[in-house]
Amino acid sequence: MRYLNIEHLQGKMMGSLATGEQRLVLLSRALVKNPAMLILDEPCQGLDDDQKANYLALLENICQHGEKTLIYVSHYATDIPACVNQLLRLENGHVV
């Protein structure tokens, strides 16, 4: 929680949190056991531009310093963090 700067959310109910806060709580939950791989499906959905930039910066830091494999699913190329170095694009159910 300290790493993601969400200590102030401790003890709060998930439903009472703003979307950006929920995303950070879910990310902290995914990181708690220090997994070698993170699979994130549309994690920036519902975030405003500032929240998205903050979230993507956190992912960059996690990937650069945590030696993690990241599988990142998004409909929007602008939501993909720079640490992603391989891309699989689907169009009409086929790899293009």
N, C-alpha and C. Protein backbone atom coordinates (compact mmCIF):
# COMPACT_ATOMS: atom_id res chain seq x y z
N MET A 1 0.83 -1.19 0.00
CA MET A 1 0.00 0.00 0.00
C MET A 1 0.88 1.25 0.00
N ARG A 2 1.97 1.18 0.72
CA ARG A 2 2.88 2.33 0.77
C ARG A 2 3.47 2.60 -0.62
N TYR A 3 3.88 1.54 -1.31
CA TYR A 3 4.49 1.67 -2.64
C TYR A 3 3.55 2.36 -3.63
N LEU A 4 2.25 2.06 -3.53
CA LEU A 4 1.26 2.65 -4.43
C LEU A 4 0.62 3.91 -3.85
N ASN A 5 1.08 4.33 -2.66
CA ASN A 5 0.58 5.53 -2.00
C ASN A 5 -0.92 5.47 -1.74
N ILE A 6 -1.37 4.32 -1.24
CA ILE A 6 -2.79 4.15 -0.93
C ILE A 6 -3.03 3.73 0.52
N GLU A 7 -2.08 4.03 1.37
CA GLU A 7 -2.23 3.67 2.79
C GLU A 7 -3.49 4.28 3.40
N HIS A 8 -3.88 5.46 2.92
CA HIS A 8 -5.05 6.15 3.45
C HIS A 8 -6.36 5.40 3.13
N LEU A 9 -6.30 4.43 2.23
CA LEU A 9 -7.51 3.68 1.86
C LEU A 9 -7.71 2.43 2.72
N GLN A 10 -6.74 2.12 3.56
CA GLN A 10 -6.83 0.93 4.39
C GLN A 10 -8.10 0.96 5.26
N GLY A 11 -8.82 -0.14 5.22
CA GLY A 11 -10.03 -0.27 6.03
C GLY A 11 -11.29 0.25 5.36
N LYS A 12 -11.17 0.86 4.21
CA LYS A 12 -12.35 1.38 3.51
C LYS A 12 -12.96 0.28 2.65
N MET A 13 -14.26 0.35 2.46
CA MET A 13 -14.97 -0.61 1.62
C MET A 13 -14.70 -0.28 0.16
N MET A 14 -14.50 -1.32 -0.64
CA MET A 14 -14.19 -1.14 -2.06
C MET A 14 -15.25 -0.30 -2.77
N GLY A 15 -16.52 -0.52 -2.47
CA GLY A 15 -17.60 0.20 -3.12
C GLY A 15 -17.63 1.69 -2.81
N SER A 16 -16.94 2.09 -1.75
CA SER A 16 -16.91 3.51 -1.38
C SER A 16 -15.76 4.26 -2.06
N LEU A 17 -14.92 3.55 -2.78
CA LEU A 17 -13.74 4.16 -3.39
C LEU A 17 -14.05 4.65 -4.80
N ALA A 18 -13.35 5.69 -5.21
CA ALA A 18 -13.44 6.19 -6.59
C ALA A 18 -12.80 5.16 -7.51
N THR A 19 -13.11 5.22 -8.80
CA THR A 19 -12.62 4.25 -9.77
C THR A 19 -11.10 4.15 -9.75
N GLY A 20 -10.42 5.28 -9.75
CA GLY A 20 -8.96 5.28 -9.73
C GLY A 20 -8.41 4.61 -8.49
N GLU A 21 -9.02 4.86 -7.36
CA GLU A 21 -8.61 4.23 -6.11
C GLU A 21 -8.84 2.72 -6.17
N GLN A 22 -9.96 2.32 -6.73
CA GLN A 22 -10.24 0.88 -6.87
C GLN A 22 -9.18 0.20 -7.71
N ARG A 23 -8.77 0.85 -8.81
CA ARG A 23 -7.75 0.26 -9.69
C ARG A 23 -6.43 0.08 -8.94
N LEU A 24 -6.08 1.05 -8.12
CA LEU A 24 -4.84 0.95 -7.35
C LEU A 24 -4.93 -0.14 -6.29
N VAL A 25 -6.08 -0.27 -5.65
CA VAL A 25 -6.27 -1.32 -4.65
C VAL A 25 -6.18 -2.70 -5.33
N LEU A 26 -6.78 -2.84 -6.50
CA LEU A 26 -6.71 -4.11 -7.22
C LEU A 26 -5.29 -4.42 -7.66
N LEU A 27 -4.54 -3.40 -8.07
CA LEU A 27 -3.14 -3.61 -8.43
C LEU A 27 -2.33 -4.04 -7.21
N SER A 28 -2.57 -3.40 -6.08
CA SER A 28 -1.84 -3.78 -4.86
C SER A 28 -2.17 -5.22 -4.47
N ARG A 29 -3.41 -5.60 -4.65
CA ARG A 29 -3.81 -6.98 -4.35
C ARG A 29 -3.07 -7.97 -5.27
N ALA A 30 -2.94 -7.60 -6.53
CA ALA A 30 -2.23 -8.46 -7.48
C ALA A 30 -0.75 -8.56 -7.15
N LEU A 31 -0.18 -7.52 -6.57
CA LEU A 31 1.26 -7.48 -6.30
C LEU A 31 1.64 -8.06 -4.94
N VAL A 32 0.68 -8.31 -4.08
CA VAL A 32 0.97 -8.65 -2.69
C VAL A 32 1.87 -9.88 -2.54
N LYS A 33 1.77 -10.84 -3.41
CA LYS A 33 2.61 -12.05 -3.31
C LYS A 33 3.80 -12.00 -4.27
N ASN A 34 4.08 -10.82 -4.83
CA ASN A 34 5.20 -10.60 -5.72
C ASN A 34 5.25 -11.63 -6.86
N PRO A 35 4.20 -11.67 -7.66
CA PRO A 35 4.17 -12.67 -8.75
C PRO A 35 5.16 -12.32 -9.85
N ALA A 36 5.60 -13.34 -10.56
CA ALA A 36 6.52 -13.13 -11.68
C ALA A 36 5.79 -12.56 -12.89
N MET A 37 4.46 -12.77 -12.95
CA MET A 37 3.67 -12.31 -14.09
C MET A 37 2.42 -11.58 -13.61
N LEU A 38 2.12 -10.48 -14.28
CA LEU A 38 0.88 -9.74 -14.04
C LEU A 38 0.05 -9.81 -15.32
N ILE A 39 -1.22 -10.13 -15.18
CA ILE A 39 -2.14 -10.11 -16.31
C ILE A 39 -3.20 -9.07 -15.99
N LEU A 40 -3.22 -7.99 -16.75
CA LEU A 40 -4.14 -6.89 -16.51
C LEU A 40 -5.05 -6.72 -17.72
N ASP A 41 -6.34 -6.72 -17.48
CA ASP A 41 -7.34 -6.59 -18.54
C ASP A 41 -8.04 -5.25 -18.41
N GLU A 42 -7.75 -4.34 -19.33
CA GLU A 42 -8.36 -3.00 -19.35
C GLU A 42 -8.24 -2.27 -18.01
N PRO A 43 -7.04 -2.23 -17.42
CA PRO A 43 -6.92 -1.61 -16.10
C PRO A 43 -7.13 -0.10 -16.09
N CYS A 44 -7.03 0.56 -17.24
CA CYS A 44 -7.21 2.02 -17.28
C CYS A 44 -8.63 2.44 -17.64
N GLN A 45 -9.49 1.47 -17.85
CA GLN A 45 -10.88 1.79 -18.20
C GLN A 45 -11.52 2.59 -17.07
N GLY A 46 -12.13 3.71 -17.42
CA GLY A 46 -12.82 4.54 -16.45
C GLY A 46 -11.94 5.56 -15.75
N LEU A 47 -10.66 5.60 -16.08
CA LEU A 47 -9.76 6.56 -15.45
C LEU A 47 -9.65 7.82 -16.29
N ASP A 48 -9.50 8.97 -15.62
CA ASP A 48 -9.29 10.20 -16.38
C ASP A 48 -7.82 10.24 -16.80
N ASP A 49 -7.45 11.24 -17.58
CA ASP A 49 -6.10 11.30 -18.15
C ASP A 49 -5.01 11.33 -17.09
N ASP A 50 -5.21 12.08 -16.02
CA ASP A 50 -4.20 12.15 -14.95
C ASP A 50 -4.07 10.82 -14.23
N GLN A 51 -5.19 10.19 -13.92
CA GLN A 51 -5.17 8.90 -13.25
C GLN A 51 -4.50 7.85 -14.13
N LYS A 52 -4.82 7.90 -15.43
CA LYS A 52 -4.23 6.95 -16.38
C LYS A 52 -2.71 7.13 -16.44
N ALA A 53 -2.25 8.37 -16.52
CA ALA A 53 -0.82 8.64 -16.57
C ALA A 53 -0.13 8.13 -15.30
N ASN A 54 -0.75 8.35 -14.15
CA ASN A 54 -0.20 7.87 -12.88
C ASN A 54 -0.14 6.35 -12.85
N TYR A 55 -1.20 5.71 -13.28
CA TYR A 55 -1.29 4.25 -13.28
C TYR A 55 -0.22 3.66 -14.21
N LEU A 56 -0.10 4.22 -15.41
CA LEU A 56 0.88 3.71 -16.37
C LEU A 56 2.30 3.94 -15.87
N ALA A 57 2.55 5.04 -15.20
CA ALA A 57 3.87 5.30 -14.62
C ALA A 57 4.19 4.27 -13.54
N LEU A 58 3.20 3.91 -12.74
CA LEU A 58 3.40 2.88 -11.72
C LEU A 58 3.74 1.55 -12.37
N LEU A 59 3.02 1.20 -13.44
CA LEU A 59 3.30 -0.05 -14.13
C LEU A 59 4.71 -0.06 -14.72
N GLU A 60 5.12 1.07 -15.28
CA GLU A 60 6.47 1.19 -15.82
C GLU A 60 7.50 0.89 -14.73
N ASN A 61 7.31 1.51 -13.59
CA ASN A 61 8.22 1.33 -12.47
C ASN A 61 8.22 -0.12 -11.99
N ILE A 62 7.05 -0.71 -11.88
CA ILE A 62 6.94 -2.10 -11.45
C ILE A 62 7.66 -3.02 -12.41
N CYS A 63 7.46 -2.82 -13.70
CA CYS A 63 8.09 -3.69 -14.70
C CYS A 63 9.59 -3.49 -14.78
N GLN A 64 10.06 -2.26 -14.65
CA GLN A 64 11.49 -1.98 -14.75
C GLN A 64 12.27 -2.47 -13.54
N HIS A 65 11.66 -2.34 -12.36
CA HIS A 65 12.39 -2.66 -11.14
C HIS A 65 11.96 -3.97 -10.50
N GLY A 66 10.87 -4.52 -10.96
CA GLY A 66 10.37 -5.74 -10.33
C GLY A 66 10.59 -7.00 -11.13
N GLU A 67 11.23 -6.88 -12.31
CA GLU A 67 11.49 -8.03 -13.16
C GLU A 67 10.24 -8.89 -13.34
N LYS A 68 9.19 -8.26 -13.81
CA LYS A 68 7.91 -8.94 -14.01
C LYS A 68 7.57 -9.03 -15.48
N THR A 69 6.88 -10.08 -15.82
CA THR A 69 6.29 -10.20 -17.15
C THR A 69 4.89 -9.60 -17.04
N LEU A 70 4.55 -8.76 -18.00
CA LEU A 70 3.25 -8.09 -17.99
C LEU A 70 2.48 -8.48 -19.24
N ILE A 71 1.30 -9.04 -19.04
CA ILE A 71 0.36 -9.25 -20.13
C ILE A 71 -0.72 -8.20 -19.94
N TYR A 72 -0.83 -7.33 -20.91
CA TYR A 72 -1.67 -6.14 -20.78
C TYR A 72 -2.69 -6.14 -21.91
N VAL A 73 -3.95 -6.20 -21.57
CA VAL A 73 -5.03 -6.23 -22.56
C VAL A 73 -5.68 -4.86 -22.61
N SER A 74 -5.80 -4.32 -23.84
CA SER A 74 -6.44 -3.02 -24.00
C SER A 74 -6.99 -2.88 -25.41
N HIS A 75 -8.06 -2.14 -25.52
CA HIS A 75 -8.61 -1.79 -26.82
C HIS A 75 -7.95 -0.54 -27.39
N TYR A 76 -7.16 0.14 -26.57
CA TYR A 76 -6.60 1.43 -26.95
C TYR A 76 -5.08 1.42 -26.87
N ALA A 77 -4.41 1.68 -27.97
CA ALA A 77 -2.95 1.69 -28.01
C ALA A 77 -2.36 2.72 -27.05
N THR A 78 -3.06 3.81 -26.82
CA THR A 78 -2.56 4.86 -25.93
C THR A 78 -2.54 4.42 -24.47
N ASP A 79 -3.24 3.36 -24.14
CA ASP A 79 -3.27 2.85 -22.77
C ASP A 79 -2.16 1.85 -22.48
N ILE A 80 -1.39 1.48 -23.49
CA ILE A 80 -0.37 0.45 -23.31
C ILE A 80 0.91 1.09 -22.78
N PRO A 81 1.41 0.60 -21.65
CA PRO A 81 2.63 1.19 -21.09
C PRO A 81 3.84 0.94 -21.99
N ALA A 82 4.81 1.81 -21.90
CA ALA A 82 6.00 1.72 -22.76
C ALA A 82 6.83 0.47 -22.49
N CYS A 83 6.69 -0.12 -21.31
CA CYS A 83 7.47 -1.32 -20.99
C CYS A 83 7.01 -2.54 -21.79
N VAL A 84 5.86 -2.45 -22.44
CA VAL A 84 5.38 -3.55 -23.28
C VAL A 84 6.23 -3.56 -24.55
N ASN A 85 6.92 -4.68 -24.79
CA ASN A 85 7.83 -4.73 -25.94
C ASN A 85 7.41 -5.74 -27.01
N GLN A 86 6.29 -6.40 -26.80
CA GLN A 86 5.73 -7.29 -27.82
C GLN A 86 4.23 -7.04 -27.86
N LEU A 87 3.69 -7.12 -29.07
CA LEU A 87 2.28 -6.79 -29.25
C LEU A 87 1.61 -7.88 -30.08
N LEU A 88 0.45 -8.30 -29.64
CA LEU A 88 -0.40 -9.22 -30.38
C LEU A 88 -1.71 -8.47 -30.63
N ARG A 89 -1.99 -8.21 -31.89
CA ARG A 89 -3.18 -7.44 -32.22
C ARG A 89 -4.21 -8.36 -32.88
N LEU A 90 -5.43 -8.29 -32.35
CA LEU A 90 -6.53 -9.07 -32.91
C LEU A 90 -7.47 -8.16 -33.67
N GLU A 91 -7.93 -8.63 -34.81
CA GLU A 91 -8.93 -7.92 -35.59
C GLU A 91 -9.92 -8.95 -36.10
N ASN A 92 -11.17 -8.78 -35.70
CA ASN A 92 -12.22 -9.73 -36.07
C ASN A 92 -11.86 -11.15 -35.68
N GLY A 93 -11.22 -11.30 -34.51
CA GLY A 93 -10.90 -12.61 -34.00
C GLY A 93 -9.65 -13.25 -34.59
N HIS A 94 -8.91 -12.52 -35.42
CA HIS A 94 -7.72 -13.06 -36.05
C HIS A 94 -6.50 -12.20 -35.71
N VAL A 95 -5.35 -12.84 -35.56
CA VAL A 95 -4.11 -12.13 -35.30
C VAL A 95 -3.69 -11.40 -36.59
N VAL A 96 -3.40 -10.10 -36.44
CA VAL A 96 -2.93 -9.30 -37.59
C VAL A 96 -1.57 -8.71 -37.30
